[in-house]
PDB file of N, CA and C in Angstrom:
ATOM      1  N   MET A   1     -15.879   5.385 -27.986  1.00  0.00           N
ATOM      2  CA  MET A   1     -15.125   4.499 -27.104  1.00  0.00           C
ATOM      3  C   MET A   1     -13.761   5.089 -26.765  1.00  0.00           C
ATOM      4  N   ARG A   2     -13.158   5.752 -27.719  1.00  0.00           N
ATOM      5  CA  ARG A   2     -11.807   6.323 -27.511  1.00  0.00           C
ATOM      6  C   ARG A   2     -11.879   7.400 -26.434  1.00  0.00           C
ATOM      7  N   TRP A   3     -12.953   8.149 -26.328  1.00  0.00           N
ATOM      8  CA  TRP A   3     -13.076   9.182 -25.383  1.00  0.00           C
ATOM      9  C   TRP A   3     -13.203   8.645 -23.955  1.00  0.00           C
ATOM     10  N   ILE A   4     -13.794   7.495 -23.820  1.00  0.00           N
ATOM     11  CA  ILE A   4     -13.947   6.927 -22.445  1.00  0.00           C
ATOM     12  C   ILE A   4     -12.583   6.479 -21.978  1.00  0.00           C
ATOM     13  N   VAL A   5     -11.765   5.922 -22.832  1.00  0.00           N
ATOM     14  CA  VAL A   5     -10.422   5.493 -22.391  1.00  0.00           C
ATOM     15  C   VAL A   5      -9.568   6.696 -22.070  1.00  0.00           C
ATOM     16  N   LEU A   6      -9.644   7.731 -22.884  1.00  0.00           N
ATOM     17  CA  LEU A   6      -8.840   8.926 -22.603  1.00  0.00           C
ATOM     18  C   LEU A   6      -9.312   9.645 -21.337  1.00  0.00           C
ATOM     19  N   ALA A   7     -10.594   9.608 -21.050  1.00  0.00           N
ATOM     20  CA  ALA A   7     -11.092  10.243 -19.860  1.00  0.00           C
ATOM     21  C   ALA A   7     -10.699   9.488 -18.611  1.00  0.00           C
ATOM     22  N   ALA A   8     -10.536   8.180 -18.692  1.00  0.00           N
ATOM     23  CA  ALA A   8     -10.184   7.353 -17.542  1.00  0.00           C
ATOM     24  C   ALA A   8      -8.719   7.380 -17.235  1.00  0.00           C
ATOM     25  N   LEU A   9      -7.867   7.725 -18.151  1.00  0.00           N
ATOM     26  CA  LEU A   9      -6.414   7.669 -17.924  1.00  0.00           C
ATOM     27  C   LEU A   9      -5.995   8.577 -16.723  1.00  0.00           C
ATOM     28  N   PRO A  10      -6.443   9.803 -16.586  1.00  0.00           N
ATOM     29  CA  PRO A  10      -6.030  10.559 -15.373  1.00  0.00           C
ATOM     30  C   PRO A  10      -6.414   9.960 -14.102  1.00  0.00           C
ATOM     31  N   LEU A  11      -7.493   9.165 -14.055  1.00  0.00           N
ATOM     32  CA  LEU A  11      -8.014   8.521 -12.857  1.00  0.00           C
ATOM     33  C   LEU A  11      -7.136   7.359 -12.429  1.00  0.00           C
ATOM     34  N   ALA A  12      -6.384   6.809 -13.320  1.00  0.00           N
ATOM     35  CA  ALA A  12      -5.596   5.611 -13.046  1.00  0.00           C
ATOM     36  C   ALA A  12      -4.533   5.911 -11.973  1.00  0.00           C
ATOM     37  N   GLY A  13      -4.007   7.119 -11.922  1.00  0.00           N
ATOM     38  CA  GLY A  13      -2.997   7.459 -10.923  1.00  0.00           C
ATOM     39  C   GLY A  13      -3.501   8.018  -9.644  1.00  0.00           C
ATOM     40  N   CYS A  14      -4.846   8.058  -9.481  1.00  0.00           N
ATOM     41  CA  CYS A  14      -5.449   8.732  -8.310  1.00  0.00           C
ATOM     42  C   CYS A  14      -5.532   7.843  -7.068  1.00  0.00           C
ATOM     43  N   VAL A  15      -5.261   6.554  -7.205  1.00  0.00           N
ATOM     44  CA  VAL A  15      -5.380   5.652  -6.117  1.00  0.00           C
ATOM     45  C   VAL A  15      -4.100   5.722  -5.246  1.00  0.00           C
ATOM     46  N   THR A  16      -4.282   5.977  -3.989  1.00  0.00           N
ATOM     47  CA  THR A  16      -3.116   6.146  -3.097  1.00  0.00           C
ATOM     48  C   THR A  16      -3.117   4.946  -2.137  1.00  0.00           C
ATOM     49  N   PRO A  17      -1.968   4.544  -1.752  1.00  0.00           N
ATOM     50  CA  PRO A  17      -1.850   3.449  -0.784  1.00  0.00           C
ATOM     51  C   PRO A  17      -2.420   3.839   0.565  1.00  0.00           C
ATOM     52  N   ALA A  18      -2.965   2.851   1.321  1.00  0.00           N
ATOM     53  CA  ALA A  18      -3.470   3.091   2.625  1.00  0.00           C
ATOM     54  C   ALA A  18      -3.381   1.792   3.476  1.00  0.00           C
ATOM     55  N   VAL A  19      -3.072   1.956   4.761  1.00  0.00           N
ATOM     56  CA  VAL A  19      -3.058   0.814   5.665  1.00  0.00           C
ATOM     57  C   VAL A  19      -4.523   0.488   5.959  1.00  0.00           C
ATOM     58  N   THR A  20      -4.951  -0.692   5.512  1.00  0.00           N
ATOM     59  CA  THR A  20      -6.359  -1.028   5.644  1.00  0.00           C
ATOM     60  C   THR A  20      -6.624  -2.060   6.759  1.00  0.00           C
ATOM     61  N   SER A  21      -5.610  -2.789   7.186  1.00  0.00           N
ATOM     62  CA  SER A  21      -5.794  -3.770   8.247  1.00  0.00           C
ATOM     63  C   SER A  21      -4.452  -3.803   8.986  1.00  0.00           C
ATOM     64  N   ALA A  22      -4.457  -3.592  10.321  1.00  0.00           N
ATOM     65  CA  ALA A  22      -3.199  -3.583  10.995  1.00  0.00           C
ATOM     66  C   ALA A  22      -3.350  -3.956  12.487  1.00  0.00           C
ATOM     67  N   THR A  23      -2.302  -4.564  12.980  1.00  0.00           N
ATOM     68  CA  THR A  23      -2.200  -4.882  14.429  1.00  0.00           C
ATOM     69  C   THR A  23      -0.809  -4.476  14.824  1.00  0.00           C
ATOM     70  N   PRO A  24      -0.453  -4.592  16.113  1.00  0.00           N
ATOM     71  CA  PRO A  24       0.908  -4.257  16.524  1.00  0.00           C
ATOM     72  C   PRO A  24       1.931  -5.223  15.879  1.00  0.00           C
ATOM     73  N   ALA A  25       1.480  -6.326  15.385  1.00  0.00           N
ATOM     74  CA  ALA A  25       2.411  -7.340  14.768  1.00  0.00           C
ATOM     75  C   ALA A  25       2.654  -7.078  13.274  1.00  0.00           C
ATOM     76  N   GLY A  26       1.734  -6.315  12.598  1.00  0.00           N
ATOM     77  CA  GLY A  26       1.878  -6.097  11.193  1.00  0.00           C
ATOM     78  C   GLY A  26       0.531  -5.670  10.569  1.00  0.00           C
ATOM     79  N   GLY A  27       0.474  -5.806   9.206  1.00  0.00           N
ATOM     80  CA  GLY A  27      -0.788  -5.445   8.571  1.00  0.00           C
ATOM     81  C   GLY A  27      -0.703  -5.527   7.083  1.00  0.00           C
ATOM     82  N   ILE A  28      -1.699  -4.825   6.416  1.00  0.00           N
ATOM     83  CA  ILE A  28      -1.822  -4.846   4.983  1.00  0.00           C
ATOM     84  C   ILE A  28      -1.933  -3.412   4.499  1.00  0.00           C
ATOM     85  N   VAL A  29      -1.192  -3.120   3.433  1.00  0.00           N
ATOM     86  CA  VAL A  29      -1.327  -1.876   2.711  1.00  0.00           C
ATOM     87  C   VAL A  29      -2.051  -2.147   1.381  1.00  0.00           C
ATOM     88  N   SER A  30      -3.221  -1.531   1.204  1.00  0.00           N
ATOM     89  CA  SER A  30      -3.935  -1.755  -0.036  1.00  0.00           C
ATOM     90  C   SER A  30      -3.574  -0.651  -1.027  1.00  0.00           C
ATOM     91  N   SER A  31      -3.768  -1.009  -2.318  1.00  0.00           N
ATOM     92  CA  SER A  31      -3.498  -0.088  -3.413  1.00  0.00           C
ATOM     93  C   SER A  31      -2.062   0.421  -3.444  1.00  0.00           C
ATOM     94  N   TYR A  32      -1.134  -0.514  -3.193  1.00  0.00           N
ATOM     95  CA  TYR A  32       0.256  -0.106  -3.172  1.00  0.00           C
ATOM     96  C   TYR A  32       0.783   0.175  -4.562  1.00  0.00           C
ATOM     97  N   GLY A  33       0.239  -0.542  -5.579  1.00  0.00           N
ATOM     98  CA  GLY A  33       0.504  -0.290  -6.969  1.00  0.00           C
ATOM     99  C   GLY A  33       1.857   0.279  -7.392  1.00  0.00           C
ATOM    100  N   TRP A  34       1.826   1.432  -7.919  1.00  0.00           N
ATOM    101  CA  TRP A  34       3.035   2.106  -8.452  1.00  0.00           C
ATOM    102  C   TRP A  34       3.776   2.864  -7.410  1.00  0.00           C
ATOM    103  N   GLN A  35       3.419   2.762  -6.150  1.00  0.00           N
ATOM    104  CA  GLN A  35       4.077   3.554  -5.114  1.00  0.00           C
ATOM    105  C   GLN A  35       4.543   2.682  -3.966  1.00  0.00           C
ATOM    106  N   PRO A  36       5.496   1.750  -4.215  1.00  0.00           N
ATOM    107  CA  PRO A  36       5.933   0.849  -3.189  1.00  0.00           C
ATOM    108  C   PRO A  36       6.657   1.582  -2.080  1.00  0.00           C
ATOM    109  N   ASN A  37       7.387   2.632  -2.379  1.00  0.00           N
ATOM    110  CA  ASN A  37       8.108   3.396  -1.396  1.00  0.00           C
ATOM    111  C   ASN A  37       7.112   4.096  -0.401  1.00  0.00           C
ATOM    112  N   LYS A  38       6.055   4.652  -0.937  1.00  0.00           N
ATOM    113  CA  LYS A  38       5.057   5.323  -0.141  1.00  0.00           C
ATOM    114  C   LYS A  38       4.338   4.261   0.774  1.00  0.00           C
ATOM    115  N   SER A  39       4.121   3.064   0.220  1.00  0.00           N
ATOM    116  CA  SER A  39       3.482   1.989   0.998  1.00  0.00           C
ATOM    117  C   SER A  39       4.358   1.584   2.169  1.00  0.00           C
ATOM    118  N   LEU A  40       5.630   1.471   1.927  1.00  0.00           N
ATOM    119  CA  LEU A  40       6.563   1.081   3.008  1.00  0.00           C
ATOM    120  C   LEU A  40       6.625   2.220   4.038  1.00  0.00           C
ATOM    121  N   GLU A  41       6.543   3.500   3.625  1.00  0.00           N
ATOM    122  CA  GLU A  41       6.522   4.584   4.605  1.00  0.00           C
ATOM    123  C   GLU A  41       5.312   4.497   5.457  1.00  0.00           C
ATOM    124  N   LEU A  42       4.134   4.181   4.883  1.00  0.00           N
ATOM    125  CA  LEU A  42       2.913   4.066   5.694  1.00  0.00           C
ATOM    126  C   LEU A  42       3.036   2.908   6.658  1.00  0.00           C
ATOM    127  N   ALA A  43       3.525   1.789   6.202  1.00  0.00           N
ATOM    128  CA  ALA A  43       3.716   0.607   7.066  1.00  0.00           C
ATOM    129  C   ALA A  43       4.685   0.977   8.209  1.00  0.00           C
ATOM    130  N   ASP A  44       5.763   1.643   7.861  1.00  0.00           N
ATOM    131  CA  ASP A  44       6.768   2.002   8.905  1.00  0.00           C
ATOM    132  C   ASP A  44       6.204   2.979   9.893  1.00  0.00           C
ATOM    133  N   ALA A  45       5.377   3.903   9.433  1.00  0.00           N
ATOM    134  CA  ALA A  45       4.731   4.835  10.368  1.00  0.00           C
ATOM    135  C   ALA A  45       3.811   4.121  11.321  1.00  0.00           C
ATOM    136  N   HIS A  46       3.101   3.104  10.862  1.00  0.00           N
ATOM    137  CA  HIS A  46       2.270   2.278  11.747  1.00  0.00           C
ATOM    138  C   HIS A  46       3.096   1.568  12.779  1.00  0.00           C
ATOM    139  N   CYS A  47       4.164   0.934  12.318  1.00  0.00           N
ATOM    140  CA  CYS A  47       4.967   0.147  13.226  1.00  0.00           C
ATOM    141  C   CYS A  47       5.673   0.988  14.253  1.00  0.00           C
ATOM    142  N   ARG A  48       6.087   2.189  13.873  1.00  0.00           N
ATOM    143  CA  ARG A  48       6.802   3.065  14.823  1.00  0.00           C
ATOM    144  C   ARG A  48       5.856   3.428  16.005  1.00  0.00           C
ATOM    145  N   LYS A  49       4.568   3.432  15.856  1.00  0.00           N
ATOM    146  CA  LYS A  49       3.656   3.645  16.969  1.00  0.00           C
ATOM    147  C   LYS A  49       3.842   2.645  18.069  1.00  0.00           C
ATOM    148  N   HIS A  50       4.374   1.446  17.661  1.00  0.00           N
ATOM    149  CA  HIS A  50       4.590   0.353  18.566  1.00  0.00           C
ATOM    150  C   HIS A  50       6.053   0.110  18.880  1.00  0.00           C
ATOM    151  N   GLY A  51       6.893   1.090  18.507  1.00  0.00           N
ATOM    152  CA  GLY A  51       8.347   1.033  18.769  1.00  0.00           C
ATOM    153  C   GLY A  51       9.058   0.020  17.907  1.00  0.00           C
ATOM    154  N   LYS A  52       8.522  -0.235  16.695  1.00  0.00           N
ATOM    155  CA  LYS A  52       9.131  -1.211  15.797  1.00  0.00           C
ATOM    156  C   LYS A  52       9.309  -0.643  14.402  1.00  0.00           C
ATOM    157  N   ARG A  53       9.891  -1.419  13.516  1.00  0.00           N
ATOM    158  CA  ARG A  53      10.104  -1.030  12.128  1.00  0.00           C
ATOM    159  C   ARG A  53       9.337  -1.978  11.244  1.00  0.00           C
ATOM    160  N   ALA A  54       8.904  -1.525  10.053  1.00  0.00           N
ATOM    161  CA  ALA A  54       8.186  -2.419   9.139  1.00  0.00           C
ATOM    162  C   ALA A  54       9.144  -3.191   8.282  1.00  0.00           C
ATOM    163  N   ARG A  55       8.757  -4.449   8.013  1.00  0.00           N
ATOM    164  CA  ARG A  55       9.472  -5.317   7.101  1.00  0.00           C
ATOM    165  C   ARG A  55       8.426  -5.951   6.141  1.00  0.00           C
ATOM    166  N   VAL A  56       8.617  -5.757   4.841  1.00  0.00           N
ATOM    167  CA  VAL A  56       7.668  -6.309   3.873  1.00  0.00           C
ATOM    168  C   VAL A  56       7.718  -7.780   3.916  1.00  0.00           C
ATOM    169  N   SER A  57       6.566  -8.443   4.071  1.00  0.00           N
ATOM    170  CA  SER A  57       6.532  -9.912   4.088  1.00  0.00           C
ATOM    171  C   SER A  57       6.018 -10.437   2.731  1.00  0.00           C
ATOM    172  N   SER A  58       5.187  -9.710   2.012  1.00  0.00           N
ATOM    173  CA  SER A  58       4.778 -10.169   0.692  1.00  0.00           C
ATOM    174  C   SER A  58       4.158  -8.983  -0.079  1.00  0.00           C
ATOM    175  N   GLN A  59       4.201  -9.121  -1.381  1.00  0.00           N
ATOM    176  CA  GLN A  59       3.585  -8.188  -2.296  1.00  0.00           C
ATOM    177  C   GLN A  59       2.747  -8.976  -3.256  1.00  0.00           C
ATOM    178  N   ASN A  60       1.470  -8.629  -3.400  1.00  0.00           N
ATOM    179  CA  ASN A  60       0.541  -9.351  -4.268  1.00  0.00           C
ATOM    180  C   ASN A  60       0.073  -8.357  -5.391  1.00  0.00           C
ATOM    181  N   ASP A  61       0.628  -8.502  -6.565  1.00  0.00           N
ATOM    182  CA  ASP A  61       0.335  -7.578  -7.620  1.00  0.00           C
ATOM    183  C   ASP A  61      -1.092  -7.784  -8.126  1.00  0.00           C
ATOM    184  N   LEU A  62      -1.578  -8.993  -8.085  1.00  0.00           N
ATOM    185  CA  LEU A  62      -2.931  -9.242  -8.558  1.00  0.00           C
ATOM    186  C   LEU A  62      -4.014  -8.594  -7.659  1.00  0.00           C
ATOM    187  N   GLN A  63      -3.758  -8.643  -6.329  1.00  0.00           N
ATOM    188  CA  GLN A  63      -4.753  -8.027  -5.423  1.00  0.00           C
ATOM    189  C   GLN A  63      -4.265  -6.608  -5.045  1.00  0.00           C
ATOM    190  N   ASN A  64      -3.176  -6.186  -5.555  1.00  0.00           N
ATOM    191  CA  ASN A  64      -2.718  -4.820  -5.419  1.00  0.00           C
ATOM    192  C   ASN A  64      -2.532  -4.493  -3.892  1.00  0.00           C
ATOM    193  N   ASN A  65      -1.917  -5.383  -3.186  1.00  0.00           N
ATOM    194  CA  ASN A  65      -1.669  -5.114  -1.735  1.00  0.00           C
ATOM    195  C   ASN A  65      -0.282  -5.624  -1.315  1.00  0.00           C
ATOM    196  N   MET A  66       0.139  -5.139  -0.190  1.00  0.00           N
ATOM    197  CA  MET A  66       1.433  -5.519   0.368  1.00  0.00           C
ATOM    198  C   MET A  66       1.218  -5.844   1.837  1.00  0.00           C
ATOM    199  N   THR A  67       1.725  -6.955   2.311  1.00  0.00           N
ATOM    200  CA  THR A  67       1.638  -7.252   3.740  1.00  0.00           C
ATOM    201  C   THR A  67       2.980  -6.933   4.408  1.00  0.00           C
ATOM    202  N   PHE A  68       2.917  -6.607   5.671  1.00  0.00           N
ATOM    203  CA  PHE A  68       4.156  -6.234   6.353  1.00  0.00           C
ATOM    204  C   PHE A  68       4.112  -6.753   7.753  1.00  0.00           C
ATOM    205  N   ASP A  69       5.298  -6.940   8.336  1.00  0.00           N
ATOM    206  CA  ASP A  69       5.491  -7.324   9.726  1.00  0.00           C
ATOM    207  C   ASP A  69       6.140  -6.199  10.484  1.00  0.00           C
ATOM    208  N   CYS A  70       5.782  -6.012  11.725  1.00  0.00           N
ATOM    209  CA  CYS A  70       6.475  -5.005  12.528  1.00  0.00           C
ATOM    210  C   CYS A  70       7.507  -5.774  13.374  1.00  0.00           C
ATOM    211  N   VAL A  71       8.752  -5.457  13.180  1.00  0.00           N
ATOM    212  CA  VAL A  71       9.841  -6.182  13.837  1.00  0.00           C
ATOM    213  C   VAL A  71      10.681  -5.217  14.616  1.00  0.00           C
TER     214      VAL A  71
END
């Protein structure tokens, strides 16, 4: 059992944030976890396509996602 836990530890940091649902008005970044700055950068990059900036509207630690508005 100890080997399974040790083998899974390196995989815990392999999840990277990604914009999974988005419109010109905002969207959702999934797997934001330990990288909130990276998540905001991704959201901001999406909003800049529409001439706007990203503003975090909520963070859900249980679902591991962040929603944002393009303003």
